[in-house]
Amino acid sequence: MLDSRVTALAELLCDHSCRLTQEDRVLIHAFDIPEDVVAEVVRVVQSRGAQVALRLESNIARRQLLLGMSLENARTIAKIEKFEMEQMTAYIALRGTHNVSENSDVPGEIQSMWSREYGVPVVHQTRVKHTKWVALRWPTPGMAQQASQSTYAFEKFFFDVCTLDYAKMAAAAKPLAELMDRTDRVRVTSPGTDFSMSIKDIGAVPCTGECNIPDGECFSAPVKESVNGVVQFNTVSLYLGTEFSNIRYEIKDGKIIDATAGAQTERLNQILDTDEGARYFGEFAIGFNPHILHPMRDTLFDEKIAGSLHFTPGGAYDPPGGNGNKSAVHWDTVLIQRPDYGGGEIFFDDVLVRKDGLFVLPELEGLNPENLK
């Protein structure tokens, strides 16, 4: 019998995230997802009167595709899928994986080429800009292991996180977005971290279940050349199939001038050299999902950690919230500022906004974990 929580999640995707109507044409794009789950999402989309197209893929098959990928092949795939996406008004991504490191042996130059030739025209220029879209991770034993939980405990955690009251979160996040809209100078301090920047006139976007499930962040971006200082991230980041620890950036006039990550320093710099925009930052965001407390090497979860922020080398979203930086790279890297991770502060125009992961301004206290659960 199908778990009733799957139906509730499918309804959230259709109604809250994509706001589907009878006028919509929806592409459901599933990677390694149980067939009964995909079928239930299809059924719920159909029950809203929308048209459905379905694409089923395998991460193992995708790895082999990338291993033999040529520039011409990448452009052919991008042309086909860009046309497909142009026919859609909405996109639902259901992303599972049996092995988070499936692409770790795909050469870095192929992954960078794929990001440029496929990621930019299909994902960033077509899907993000022209459809109502939402991306969802699906719980697997591998994800439970990453989170250091039993499979059963992680499944409960997953549904608690993904089906919380996002309308309540949206109301609580509105004052933060309004404050960020009015802010010029931002300073962030933590052990090993002290950087400043301007977000003046960039705008802020609260994310409360519309495009990601799970969700819980408010993002903006720095004025491109305004960032100066040092940031030392305290979470492991999985990017293009490789794990990176102890990522540290020295930044001058917006550009990363020195980047280290221990044994993966060479690979880190290879990614940052993908194109001119990869060494500039395209996003600054504050995370506040009350159920997500510790990193699990999955960006869609980790960037929402309560008491965290993420700072993103690479491409920016369109305004509001974007600064115009263009890149095939978009790497959300997470710094947790709660006391159990070393603490830290965020200042807006020299006013303390968050200390040790908790908002201190009265109008923002609704985003603290005890008020969102």
Protein backbone atom coordinates (compact mmCIF):
# COMPACT_ATOMS: atom_id res chain seq x y z
CA MET A 1 0.00 0.00 0.00
CA LEU A 2 1.33 3.44 -0.91
CA ASP A 3 2.44 5.53 2.05
CA SER A 4 -0.05 8.36 2.60
CA ARG A 5 2.89 10.71 3.19
CA VAL A 6 3.85 10.31 -0.48
CA THR A 7 0.43 11.60 -1.52
CA ALA A 8 0.73 14.56 0.87
CA LEU A 9 4.16 15.36 -0.57
CA ALA A 10 2.89 15.12 -4.16
CA GLU A 11 0.04 17.49 -3.29
CA LEU A 12 2.52 19.95 -1.78
CA LEU A 13 4.60 19.88 -4.98
CA CYS A 14 1.54 20.48 -7.16
CA ASP A 15 -0.32 23.06 -5.08
CA HIS A 16 2.20 25.01 -3.01
CA SER A 17 5.35 24.70 -5.14
CA CYS A 18 4.05 24.76 -8.72
CA ARG A 19 0.51 26.09 -8.25
CA LEU A 20 -0.73 23.86 -11.06
CA THR A 21 -3.86 24.58 -13.06
CA GLN A 22 -5.60 23.02 -16.05
CA GLU A 23 -3.50 25.27 -18.28
CA ASP A 24 -0.18 23.72 -17.26
CA ARG A 25 2.08 21.30 -19.11
CA VAL A 26 4.33 19.54 -16.60
CA LEU A 27 7.53 17.61 -17.12
CA ILE A 28 8.18 15.11 -14.32
CA HIS A 29 11.89 14.22 -14.40
CA ALA A 30 12.80 11.31 -12.11
CA PHE A 31 16.19 9.79 -11.28
CA ASP A 32 16.22 6.42 -9.49
CA ILE A 33 12.79 6.90 -7.87
CA PRO A 34 10.45 3.99 -6.95
CA GLU A 35 7.91 3.56 -9.71
CA ASP A 36 4.91 3.73 -7.39
CA VAL A 37 6.13 7.10 -6.10
CA VAL A 38 6.54 8.48 -9.63
CA ALA A 39 3.12 7.12 -10.56
CA GLU A 40 1.52 8.86 -7.58
CA VAL A 41 3.09 12.21 -8.52
CA VAL A 42 1.80 11.69 -12.07
CA ARG A 43 -1.69 10.90 -10.74
CA VAL A 44 -1.82 13.98 -8.50
CA VAL A 45 -0.62 16.24 -11.34
CA GLN A 46 -3.30 14.76 -13.60
CA SER A 47 -5.93 15.31 -10.90
CA ARG A 48 -5.21 19.05 -11.20
CA GLY A 49 -6.11 18.89 -14.88
CA ALA A 50 -2.55 19.48 -16.13
CA GLN A 51 -0.88 17.71 -19.02
CA VAL A 52 2.04 15.43 -18.08
CA ALA A 53 5.26 14.44 -19.81
CA LEU A 54 7.53 11.93 -18.09
CA ARG A 55 11.30 11.40 -18.25
CA LEU A 56 12.83 8.51 -16.26
CA GLU A 57 16.60 8.33 -15.85
CA SER A 58 19.27 6.36 -14.02
CA ASN A 59 22.35 7.82 -12.36
CA ILE A 60 24.37 4.77 -13.36
CA ALA A 61 23.35 5.20 -17.00
CA ARG A 62 24.01 8.97 -16.76
CA ARG A 63 27.55 8.25 -15.50
CA GLN A 64 28.28 6.12 -18.56
CA LEU A 65 26.78 8.76 -20.81
CA LEU A 66 29.12 11.37 -19.33
CA LEU A 67 32.19 9.11 -19.49
CA GLY A 68 31.88 8.98 -23.28
CA MET A 69 30.53 12.49 -23.74
CA SER A 70 31.83 14.62 -26.59
CA LEU A 71 31.20 18.31 -27.15
CA GLU A 72 28.97 17.50 -30.14
CA ASN A 73 26.97 14.94 -28.13
CA ALA A 74 26.45 17.41 -25.27
CA ARG A 75 25.17 20.02 -27.68
CA THR A 76 22.78 17.52 -29.29
CA ILE A 77 21.32 16.54 -25.92
CA ALA A 78 21.04 20.17 -24.87
CA LYS A 79 19.22 21.07 -28.09
CA ILE A 80 16.71 18.24 -27.62
CA GLU A 81 16.03 18.87 -23.94
CA LYS A 82 15.92 22.63 -24.37
CA PHE A 83 13.16 22.17 -26.96
CA GLU A 84 11.34 19.80 -24.61
CA MET A 85 11.57 22.28 -21.75
CA GLU A 86 10.31 25.12 -23.95
CA GLN A 87 7.04 23.22 -24.36
CA MET A 88 6.48 23.07 -20.60
CA THR A 89 5.04 25.53 -18.11
CA ALA A 90 6.15 23.55 -15.04
CA TYR A 91 8.90 21.12 -14.06
CA ILE A 92 9.04 18.66 -11.15
CA ALA A 93 12.40 16.98 -10.48
CA LEU A 94 12.41 13.85 -8.31
CA ARG A 95 16.04 13.07 -7.58
CA GLY A 96 17.13 9.85 -5.95
CA THR A 97 20.50 8.15 -6.00
CA HIS A 98 21.92 4.88 -4.76
CA ASN A 99 25.44 6.33 -4.64
CA VAL A 100 26.10 10.05 -4.14
CA SER A 101 29.61 9.59 -5.59
CA GLU A 102 28.38 7.98 -8.82
CA ASN A 103 30.08 10.61 -10.99
CA SER A 104 33.29 10.88 -8.98
CA ASP A 105 35.32 9.16 -11.71
CA VAL A 106 33.96 11.29 -14.55
CA PRO A 107 36.88 13.52 -15.59
CA GLY A 108 36.61 17.08 -14.34
CA GLU A 109 37.00 18.59 -17.81
CA ILE A 110 33.97 16.59 -19.03
CA GLN A 111 31.87 17.70 -16.07
CA SER A 112 32.82 21.33 -16.65
CA MET A 113 32.00 21.03 -20.35
CA TRP A 114 28.64 19.43 -19.52
CA SER A 115 27.84 22.28 -17.12
CA ARG A 116 28.56 24.84 -19.83
CA GLU A 117 26.81 23.11 -22.74
CA TYR A 118 23.83 21.55 -20.94
CA GLY A 119 23.49 23.27 -17.57
CA VAL A 120 23.48 26.82 -18.89
CA PRO A 121 21.04 26.57 -21.84
CA VAL A 122 18.68 23.90 -20.46
CA VAL A 123 18.68 24.48 -16.72
CA HIS A 124 19.56 28.12 -16.13
CA GLN A 125 18.28 29.83 -19.29
CA THR A 126 15.18 27.74 -19.92
CA ARG A 127 13.92 25.83 -16.88
CA VAL A 128 14.78 28.38 -14.18
CA LYS A 129 13.66 31.42 -16.17
CA HIS A 130 10.57 30.17 -17.96
CA THR A 131 8.84 27.48 -15.87
CA LYS A 132 7.32 26.99 -12.47
CA TRP A 133 9.74 24.43 -11.07
CA VAL A 134 10.56 22.44 -7.97
CA ALA A 135 13.36 19.98 -7.18
CA LEU A 136 13.03 17.23 -4.58
CA ARG A 137 15.53 14.73 -3.16
CA TRP A 138 14.16 11.25 -2.45
CA PRO A 139 15.25 9.40 0.73
CA THR A 140 17.46 6.35 0.23
CA PRO A 141 19.55 4.14 2.55
CA GLY A 142 22.60 5.93 1.16
CA MET A 143 21.24 9.31 2.26
CA ALA A 144 20.44 7.85 5.69
CA GLN A 145 24.05 6.72 5.94
CA GLN A 146 25.28 10.19 4.96
CA ALA A 147 23.10 11.62 7.73
CA SER A 148 24.36 8.99 10.23
CA GLN A 149 20.80 7.78 10.81
CA SER A 150 18.94 4.52 10.47
CA THR A 151 16.91 4.15 7.31
CA TYR A 152 13.66 4.35 9.31
CA ALA A 153 14.74 7.41 11.29
CA PHE A 154 15.90 9.20 8.16
CA GLU A 155 12.63 8.48 6.37
CA LYS A 156 10.71 10.06 9.26
CA PHE A 157 13.12 13.02 9.25
CA PHE A 158 12.65 13.41 5.48
CA PHE A 159 8.86 13.65 5.63
CA ASP A 160 8.96 15.96 8.68
CA VAL A 161 11.30 18.30 6.81
CA CYS A 162 9.52 18.18 3.49
CA THR A 163 5.93 18.53 4.64
CA LEU A 164 6.25 21.19 7.35
CA ASP A 165 4.02 24.27 7.36
CA TYR A 166 5.63 26.26 4.55
CA ALA A 167 2.91 28.91 4.65
CA LYS A 168 3.92 29.68 8.25
CA MET A 169 7.57 29.81 7.19
CA ALA A 170 6.70 32.19 4.34
CA ALA A 171 5.06 34.64 6.75
CA ALA A 172 8.03 34.50 9.12
CA ALA A 173 10.55 35.01 6.29
CA LYS A 174 8.91 38.13 4.87
CA PRO A 175 10.49 40.56 7.40
CA LEU A 176 13.96 39.13 6.70
CA ALA A 177 13.54 39.67 2.96
CA GLU A 178 12.32 43.23 3.58
CA LEU A 179 15.32 43.93 5.82
CA MET A 180 17.75 42.55 3.25
CA ASP A 181 16.09 44.72 0.60
CA ARG A 182 16.98 47.78 2.71
CA THR A 183 20.51 46.66 3.58
CA ASP A 184 23.74 47.97 2.09
CA ARG A 185 26.67 46.51 4.06
CA VAL A 186 26.92 42.93 5.30
CA ARG A 187 29.64 41.53 7.52
CA VAL A 188 30.04 37.86 8.45
CA THR A 189 32.35 36.60 11.20
CA SER A 190 33.08 33.08 12.43
CA PRO A 191 36.21 31.14 13.38
CA GLY A 192 38.53 31.58 10.39
CA THR A 193 35.97 33.79 8.62
CA ASP A 194 35.70 37.55 8.34
CA PHE A 195 34.34 39.04 5.14
CA SER A 196 32.28 42.03 4.16
CA MET A 197 30.29 43.03 1.09
CA SER A 198 27.43 45.14 -0.18
CA ILE A 199 24.00 43.81 -1.20
CA LYS A 200 22.63 47.28 -1.93
CA ASP A 201 19.80 47.30 -4.51
CA ILE A 202 20.26 43.57 -5.27
CA GLY A 203 17.02 42.52 -3.60
CA ALA A 204 16.22 39.41 -1.57
CA VAL A 205 14.08 36.34 -2.26
CA PRO A 206 12.58 34.19 0.53
CA CYS A 207 12.46 30.50 -0.42
CA THR A 208 9.73 28.67 1.41
CA GLY A 209 8.82 25.58 -0.59
CA GLU A 210 8.22 27.12 -4.00
CA CYS A 211 11.29 25.80 -5.88
CA ASN A 212 13.02 23.38 -3.50
CA ILE A 213 11.69 20.73 -1.17
CA PRO A 214 12.98 20.83 1.52
CA ASP A 215 13.28 24.60 1.75
CA GLY A 216 14.03 27.37 4.19
CA GLU A 217 16.36 30.18 3.12
CA CYS A 218 16.40 33.79 2.02
CA PHE A 219 18.91 34.66 -0.69
CA SER A 220 20.46 37.73 -2.19
CA ALA A 221 23.85 38.31 -3.83
CA PRO A 222 26.79 40.62 -3.32
CA VAL A 223 27.43 43.60 -5.52
CA LYS A 224 29.86 41.71 -7.72
CA GLU A 225 33.15 43.42 -6.85
CA SER A 226 32.28 44.39 -3.26
CA VAL A 227 33.39 41.24 -1.41
CA ASN A 228 36.60 41.35 0.60
CA GLY A 229 38.00 39.07 3.29
CA VAL A 230 38.27 35.39 4.09
CA VAL A 231 35.68 32.63 4.40
CA GLN A 232 36.40 29.23 5.94
CA PHE A 233 33.56 26.73 5.46
CA ASN A 234 32.96 24.15 8.18
CA THR A 235 30.91 21.56 6.29
CA VAL A 236 31.85 18.93 3.75
CA SER A 237 30.58 19.85 0.29
CA LEU A 238 29.80 17.29 -2.41
CA TYR A 239 30.11 18.84 -5.86
CA LEU A 240 30.20 17.00 -9.21
CA GLY A 241 30.71 13.70 -7.40
CA THR A 242 33.74 14.81 -5.32
CA GLU A 243 33.83 15.60 -1.59
CA PHE A 244 35.56 18.80 -0.51
CA SER A 245 36.52 19.57 3.09
CA ASN A 246 37.96 22.68 4.73
CA ILE A 247 37.24 24.92 1.76
CA ARG A 248 38.82 28.31 2.30
CA TYR A 249 38.67 31.37 0.04
CA GLU A 250 40.60 34.61 0.16
CA ILE A 251 38.59 37.25 -1.68
CA LYS A 252 39.66 40.63 -3.05
CA ASP A 253 37.32 43.02 -4.84
CA GLY A 254 34.79 40.24 -5.33
CA LYS A 255 37.17 37.65 -6.80
CA ILE A 256 38.52 34.49 -5.19
CA ILE A 257 42.27 35.02 -5.39
CA ASP A 258 43.29 32.00 -3.31
CA ALA A 259 41.33 28.77 -2.83
CA THR A 260 42.31 25.71 -0.81
CA ALA A 261 40.60 22.47 0.19
CA GLY A 262 43.31 20.16 1.48
CA ALA A 263 43.90 17.21 -0.81
CA GLN A 264 41.27 18.49 -3.25
CA THR A 265 42.83 21.94 -3.74
CA GLU A 266 43.79 21.22 -7.36
CA ARG A 267 40.28 19.98 -8.24
CA LEU A 268 38.75 22.97 -6.43
CA ASN A 269 40.75 25.40 -8.52
CA GLN A 270 39.94 23.47 -11.68
CA ILE A 271 36.25 24.05 -11.00
CA LEU A 272 36.82 27.72 -10.19
CA ASP A 273 38.62 28.08 -13.52
CA THR A 274 35.63 26.73 -15.50
CA ASP A 275 34.94 30.26 -16.75
CA GLU A 276 35.50 33.89 -15.79
CA GLY A 277 32.46 34.12 -13.52
CA ALA A 278 33.27 31.07 -11.39
CA ARG A 279 35.66 33.00 -9.12
CA TYR A 280 33.01 35.62 -8.31
CA PHE A 281 30.00 35.07 -6.06
CA GLY A 282 26.46 34.72 -7.35
CA GLU A 283 24.53 34.13 -4.12
CA PHE A 284 24.53 34.88 -0.41
CA ALA A 285 21.80 33.15 1.58
CA ILE A 286 20.69 32.57 5.16
CA GLY A 287 19.25 29.15 6.09
CA PHE A 288 16.52 28.48 8.67
CA ASN A 289 14.79 25.10 8.26
CA PRO A 290 14.17 24.05 11.90
CA HIS A 291 14.38 20.31 11.24
CA ILE A 292 17.75 20.35 9.44
CA LEU A 293 20.56 20.75 11.94
CA HIS A 294 23.58 18.87 10.61
CA PRO A 295 25.19 18.48 7.18
CA MET A 296 24.68 15.30 5.20
CA ARG A 297 26.66 16.09 2.04
CA ASP A 298 23.49 16.88 0.10
CA THR A 299 23.29 20.54 -0.91
CA LEU A 300 19.51 20.65 -1.17
CA PHE A 301 19.34 19.80 2.54
CA ASP A 302 22.57 21.34 3.83
CA GLU A 303 21.94 24.84 2.47
CA LYS A 304 18.73 25.02 4.56
CA ILE A 305 20.37 24.12 7.91
CA ALA A 306 19.05 26.20 10.82
CA GLY A 307 21.70 28.71 11.85
CA SER A 308 23.64 28.44 8.59
CA LEU A 309 24.49 30.58 5.62
CA HIS A 310 25.75 29.64 2.20
CA PHE A 311 28.01 31.62 -0.08
CA THR A 312 28.06 30.62 -3.72
CA PRO A 313 30.85 30.95 -6.26
CA GLY A 314 29.46 31.15 -9.79
CA GLY A 315 26.30 32.09 -11.60
CA ALA A 316 23.60 34.28 -10.10
CA TYR A 317 19.85 34.04 -10.46
CA ASP A 318 17.97 36.78 -12.28
CA PRO A 319 16.93 39.86 -10.29
CA PRO A 320 15.63 40.25 -7.68
CA GLY A 321 18.31 38.48 -5.72
CA GLY A 322 20.83 38.23 -8.56
CA ASN A 323 23.87 40.36 -9.38
CA GLY A 324 24.35 39.55 -13.05
CA ASN A 325 27.32 37.20 -12.60
CA LYS A 326 27.39 34.56 -15.33
CA SER A 327 28.96 31.13 -14.92
CA ALA A 328 28.30 27.44 -15.56
CA VAL A 329 29.27 26.91 -11.90
CA HIS A 330 26.80 27.47 -9.05
CA TRP A 331 28.26 25.96 -5.88
CA ASP A 332 26.30 26.51 -2.68
CA THR A 333 28.85 26.03 0.12
CA VAL A 334 27.66 26.04 3.72
CA LEU A 335 28.92 27.70 6.90
CA ILE A 336 27.07 26.80 10.12
CA GLN A 337 27.20 29.44 12.87
CA ARG A 338 25.50 27.70 15.79
CA PRO A 339 27.64 27.29 18.95
CA ASP A 340 28.16 23.56 18.32
CA TYR A 341 29.91 24.58 15.07
CA GLY A 342 31.97 27.42 16.51
CA GLY A 343 29.41 30.23 16.50
CA GLY A 344 29.42 33.40 14.45
CA GLU A 345 27.67 36.67 13.67
CA ILE A 346 25.92 38.37 10.78
CA PHE A 347 25.71 42.18 10.74
CA PHE A 348 23.56 44.32 8.42
CA ASP A 349 24.74 47.93 8.25
CA ASP A 350 26.68 47.42 11.50
CA VAL A 351 23.62 46.07 13.36
CA LEU A 352 23.82 42.51 14.74
CA VAL A 353 21.11 40.47 13.04
CA ARG A 354 21.99 36.88 13.96
CA LYS A 355 24.35 35.57 16.64
CA ASP A 356 25.38 31.95 17.03
CA GLY A 357 22.66 30.88 14.61
CA LEU A 358 19.74 32.68 16.28
CA PHE A 359 18.08 35.85 15.01
CA VAL A 360 18.26 38.61 17.63
CA LEU A 361 15.99 41.27 16.10
CA PRO A 362 12.40 40.97 17.40
CA GLU A 363 10.85 41.04 13.92
CA LEU A 364 13.03 38.08 12.86
CA GLU A 365 12.60 35.84 15.89
CA GLY A 366 9.78 33.98 14.12
CA LEU A 367 12.50 32.30 12.03
CA ASN A 368 14.23 30.75 15.04
CA PRO A 369 13.72 26.97 15.23
CA GLU A 370 11.41 26.91 18.27
CA ASN A 371 8.98 29.18 16.41
CA LEU A 372 8.94 27.33 13.08
CA LYS A 373 8.43 23.74 14.21
